[in-house]
Amino acid sequence: MNNNNQSPKLRTVTKSVSAFPLNDCPKDFPFLFGKEIVYLLASK
């Protein structure tokens, strides 16, 4: 930057929407997640 009075230009970023709001997951989410981990470990 040539001029010290100018601030850097910031990019505008579109925020991605999360799958679930924070602390608002389905009740069976830990069970399903555990099932997926067991499947991945067993299939290696």
N, C-alpha and C. Protein backbone atom coordinates (compact mmCIF):
# COMPACT_ATOMS: atom_id res chain seq x y z
N MET A 1 0.85 -1.19 0.00
CA MET A 1 0.00 0.00 0.00
C MET A 1 0.89 1.24 0.00
N ASN A 2 0.55 2.12 -0.86
CA ASN A 2 1.35 3.33 -0.97
C ASN A 2 0.95 4.38 0.04
N ASN A 3 -0.31 4.48 0.32
CA ASN A 3 -0.81 5.51 1.21
C ASN A 3 -1.12 4.90 2.58
N ASN A 4 -0.57 5.44 3.65
CA ASN A 4 -0.77 4.89 5.00
C ASN A 4 -2.17 5.18 5.55
N ASN A 5 -2.91 6.10 4.93
CA ASN A 5 -4.24 6.43 5.42
C ASN A 5 -5.29 5.43 4.97
N GLN A 6 -4.97 4.59 4.00
CA GLN A 6 -5.94 3.63 3.50
C GLN A 6 -5.87 2.35 4.32
N SER A 7 -7.03 1.82 4.62
CA SER A 7 -7.07 0.54 5.32
C SER A 7 -7.18 -0.58 4.28
N PRO A 8 -6.75 -1.78 4.63
CA PRO A 8 -6.84 -2.89 3.66
C PRO A 8 -8.29 -3.22 3.34
N LYS A 9 -8.52 -3.63 2.13
CA LYS A 9 -9.87 -4.01 1.72
C LYS A 9 -10.14 -5.43 2.18
N LEU A 10 -11.23 -5.62 2.87
CA LEU A 10 -11.60 -6.93 3.37
C LEU A 10 -12.60 -7.57 2.41
N ARG A 11 -12.44 -8.87 2.22
CA ARG A 11 -13.38 -9.59 1.36
C ARG A 11 -14.66 -9.88 2.14
N THR A 12 -15.76 -9.78 1.47
CA THR A 12 -17.02 -10.18 2.09
C THR A 12 -17.19 -11.67 1.85
N VAL A 13 -17.42 -12.42 2.90
CA VAL A 13 -17.52 -13.87 2.81
C VAL A 13 -18.94 -14.26 3.21
N THR A 14 -19.55 -15.09 2.38
CA THR A 14 -20.87 -15.59 2.75
C THR A 14 -20.67 -16.74 3.74
N LYS A 15 -21.30 -16.62 4.85
CA LYS A 15 -21.14 -17.64 5.90
C LYS A 15 -21.94 -18.88 5.53
N SER A 16 -21.34 -20.04 5.76
CA SER A 16 -22.05 -21.28 5.48
C SER A 16 -22.99 -21.59 6.65
N VAL A 17 -24.08 -22.21 6.34
CA VAL A 17 -25.07 -22.57 7.35
C VAL A 17 -24.70 -23.94 7.91
N SER A 18 -24.64 -24.05 9.23
CA SER A 18 -24.29 -25.32 9.84
C SER A 18 -25.46 -26.30 9.72
N ALA A 19 -25.13 -27.59 9.81
CA ALA A 19 -26.15 -28.62 9.68
C ALA A 19 -27.16 -28.54 10.83
N PHE A 20 -26.66 -28.32 12.04
CA PHE A 20 -27.51 -28.19 13.21
C PHE A 20 -27.09 -26.95 13.97
N PRO A 21 -28.04 -26.20 14.50
CA PRO A 21 -27.65 -25.09 15.38
C PRO A 21 -26.87 -25.65 16.58
N LEU A 22 -26.01 -24.83 17.13
CA LEU A 22 -25.15 -25.26 18.23
C LEU A 22 -25.99 -25.80 19.38
N ASN A 23 -25.62 -26.96 19.88
CA ASN A 23 -26.30 -27.64 20.99
C ASN A 23 -27.75 -28.01 20.68
N ASP A 24 -28.07 -28.19 19.41
CA ASP A 24 -29.43 -28.56 19.03
C ASP A 24 -29.39 -29.72 18.03
N CYS A 25 -28.70 -30.80 18.41
CA CYS A 25 -28.57 -31.99 17.56
C CYS A 25 -29.74 -32.94 17.83
N PRO A 26 -30.00 -33.85 16.90
CA PRO A 26 -31.01 -34.87 17.17
C PRO A 26 -30.59 -35.73 18.36
N LYS A 27 -31.57 -36.29 19.06
CA LYS A 27 -31.27 -37.06 20.27
C LYS A 27 -30.47 -38.33 19.97
N ASP A 28 -30.66 -38.92 18.79
CA ASP A 28 -29.94 -40.15 18.46
C ASP A 28 -28.62 -39.89 17.74
N PHE A 29 -28.17 -38.63 17.67
CA PHE A 29 -26.94 -38.31 16.99
C PHE A 29 -25.72 -39.03 17.57
N PRO A 30 -25.51 -39.07 18.91
CA PRO A 30 -24.34 -39.81 19.42
C PRO A 30 -24.37 -41.29 19.05
N PHE A 31 -25.54 -41.91 19.06
CA PHE A 31 -25.66 -43.31 18.69
C PHE A 31 -25.29 -43.53 17.23
N LEU A 32 -25.82 -42.69 16.35
CA LEU A 32 -25.51 -42.81 14.92
C LEU A 32 -24.04 -42.53 14.65
N PHE A 33 -23.49 -41.56 15.34
CA PHE A 33 -22.08 -41.23 15.17
C PHE A 33 -21.20 -42.40 15.63
N GLY A 34 -21.55 -43.00 16.76
CA GLY A 34 -20.82 -44.15 17.26
C GLY A 34 -20.90 -45.33 16.31
N LYS A 35 -22.07 -45.53 15.72
CA LYS A 35 -22.23 -46.61 14.74
C LYS A 35 -21.31 -46.42 13.55
N GLU A 36 -21.21 -45.19 13.08
CA GLU A 36 -20.34 -44.90 11.94
C GLU A 36 -18.88 -45.14 12.29
N ILE A 37 -18.46 -44.76 13.48
CA ILE A 37 -17.07 -44.97 13.90
C ILE A 37 -16.77 -46.46 14.00
N VAL A 38 -17.68 -47.22 14.60
CA VAL A 38 -17.48 -48.67 14.72
C VAL A 38 -17.39 -49.29 13.33
N TYR A 39 -18.24 -48.85 12.42
CA TYR A 39 -18.22 -49.38 11.05
C TYR A 39 -16.87 -49.07 10.39
N LEU A 40 -16.39 -47.82 10.54
CA LEU A 40 -15.13 -47.45 9.92
C LEU A 40 -13.97 -48.26 10.50
N LEU A 41 -13.96 -48.44 11.81
CA LEU A 41 -12.88 -49.21 12.44
C LEU A 41 -12.93 -50.68 12.05
N ALA A 42 -14.15 -51.23 11.91
CA ALA A 42 -14.29 -52.65 11.59
C ALA A 42 -13.98 -52.92 10.12
N SER A 43 -14.16 -51.94 9.27
CA SER A 43 -13.96 -52.18 7.83
C SER A 43 -12.52 -51.95 7.39
N LYS A 44 -11.65 -51.52 8.28
CA LYS A 44 -10.25 -51.32 7.90
C LYS A 44 -9.48 -52.60 7.92
